[in-house]
Amino acid sequence: MGCLHAEVVCVIQHTIASIPGLTYHDVMPLFEVAVLEIPNKKELEEGKTERLVFGPKPVVARDAQSAAITAVLAGDKPDFDMAKAQVLVRPFA
C-alpha cells in the first residue's frame, strides 16, 4: 500500500510540474473531517456516549482549520449542540 501511495504522489507531483507557473503549494490538499457530540458530565453519568454527528467527510481546503470551518458551515447536518461538538480533522492519505 505504501508503494501505491508513493506512486500516486509521484504522478501528482509530475502533473503539477507539467503546468507552467503552478507549484505544489498552489494546490489545496484533501482532508477528512468528522464531528462528534461529546456528552457533558451529567450525561456521562446517565450512560450517554459520544455521538458521530457527521463524517468523515472529504473537504478540499488550504489547511486543517479551513477544512473544519468549511465542513461545519456547509452541507446538511443533523441537529446538535455546537457547544458540545468536537471537530476532528486529518489530512487524507
Protein backbone atom coordinates (compact mmCIF):
# COMPACT_ATOMS: atom_id res chain seq x y z
CA MET A 1 0.00 0.00 0.00
CA GLY A 2 2.91 2.36 0.72
CA CYS A 3 4.21 1.84 -2.83
CA LEU A 4 0.86 2.80 -4.32
CA HIS A 5 0.75 5.96 -2.21
CA ALA A 6 4.28 6.91 -3.34
CA GLU A 7 3.32 6.29 -6.97
CA VAL A 8 0.22 8.48 -6.66
CA VAL A 9 2.24 11.28 -5.06
CA CYS A 10 4.81 10.98 -7.86
CA VAL A 11 2.08 11.24 -10.52
CA ILE A 12 0.54 14.26 -8.81
CA GLN A 13 3.92 16.00 -8.50
CA HIS A 14 4.70 15.25 -12.16
CA THR A 15 1.29 16.59 -13.26
CA ILE A 16 1.72 19.78 -11.25
CA ALA A 17 5.25 20.26 -12.59
CA SER A 18 3.95 19.97 -16.16
CA ILE A 19 1.70 23.04 -15.74
CA PRO A 20 3.71 26.25 -16.25
CA GLY A 21 3.65 28.58 -13.25
CA LEU A 22 1.90 26.08 -10.95
CA THR A 23 3.65 24.78 -7.84
CA TYR A 24 2.71 22.06 -5.38
CA HIS A 25 1.84 24.77 -2.82
CA ASP A 26 -0.80 26.23 -5.19
CA VAL A 27 -2.85 23.02 -4.97
CA MET A 28 -5.15 22.64 -1.98
CA PRO A 29 -4.89 19.35 -0.09
CA LEU A 30 -7.69 16.96 0.81
CA PHE A 31 -8.79 16.49 4.43
CA GLU A 32 -11.25 14.22 6.20
CA VAL A 33 -13.49 15.97 8.73
CA ALA A 34 -15.80 14.41 11.30
CA VAL A 35 -17.85 15.97 14.10
CA LEU A 36 -18.53 14.23 17.39
CA GLU A 37 -21.00 15.40 20.02
CA ILE A 38 -19.38 14.88 23.43
CA PRO A 39 -21.77 14.39 26.38
CA ASN A 40 -21.40 16.62 29.42
CA LYS A 41 -20.60 15.26 32.89
CA LYS A 42 -24.26 14.69 33.82
CA GLU A 43 -24.98 12.89 30.54
CA LEU A 44 -21.89 10.69 31.04
CA GLU A 45 -23.21 9.68 34.48
CA GLU A 46 -26.52 8.77 32.84
CA GLY A 47 -24.66 6.46 30.43
CA LYS A 48 -24.74 8.62 27.30
CA THR A 49 -21.77 8.20 24.96
CA GLU A 50 -20.15 10.19 22.17
CA ARG A 51 -22.25 10.50 19.02
CA LEU A 52 -20.97 10.87 15.47
CA VAL A 53 -22.86 13.90 14.13
CA PHE A 54 -21.50 13.68 10.61
CA GLY A 55 -18.50 12.49 8.69
CA PRO A 56 -15.95 11.56 7.95
CA LYS A 57 -16.47 13.97 5.08
CA PRO A 58 -13.85 14.80 2.42
CA VAL A 59 -13.01 18.51 2.23
CA VAL A 60 -10.56 20.35 -0.02
CA ALA A 61 -9.03 23.29 1.86
CA ARG A 62 -5.79 25.25 2.34
CA ASP A 63 -5.26 23.96 5.90
CA ALA A 64 -6.87 21.92 8.67
CA GLN A 65 -8.61 24.92 10.25
CA SER A 66 -10.18 25.93 6.92
CA ALA A 67 -11.28 22.33 6.37
CA ALA A 68 -13.01 22.25 9.76
CA ILE A 69 -14.81 25.54 9.17
CA THR A 70 -15.89 24.52 5.67
CA ALA A 71 -17.26 21.17 6.83
CA VAL A 72 -19.18 22.63 9.78
CA LEU A 73 -20.71 25.52 7.84
CA ALA A 74 -21.53 23.67 4.61
CA GLY A 75 -23.92 20.86 3.83
CA ASP A 76 -26.70 19.09 5.67
CA LYS A 77 -26.10 18.50 9.34
CA PRO A 78 -28.35 16.87 11.90
CA ASP A 79 -29.42 18.97 14.87
CA PHE A 80 -26.69 19.03 17.53
CA ASP A 81 -25.34 21.26 20.28
CA MET A 82 -22.30 23.04 18.84
CA ALA A 83 -21.09 23.77 22.39
CA LYS A 84 -20.58 20.02 22.87
CA ALA A 85 -19.12 19.38 19.41
CA GLN A 86 -15.60 18.18 18.77
CA VAL A 87 -14.37 18.66 15.21
CA LEU A 88 -11.76 16.13 14.09
CA VAL A 89 -9.60 16.87 11.04
CA ARG A 90 -6.91 14.77 9.42
CA PRO A 91 -5.05 15.01 6.14
CA PHE A 92 -6.32 12.48 3.64
CA ALA A 93 -3.61 10.00 2.78
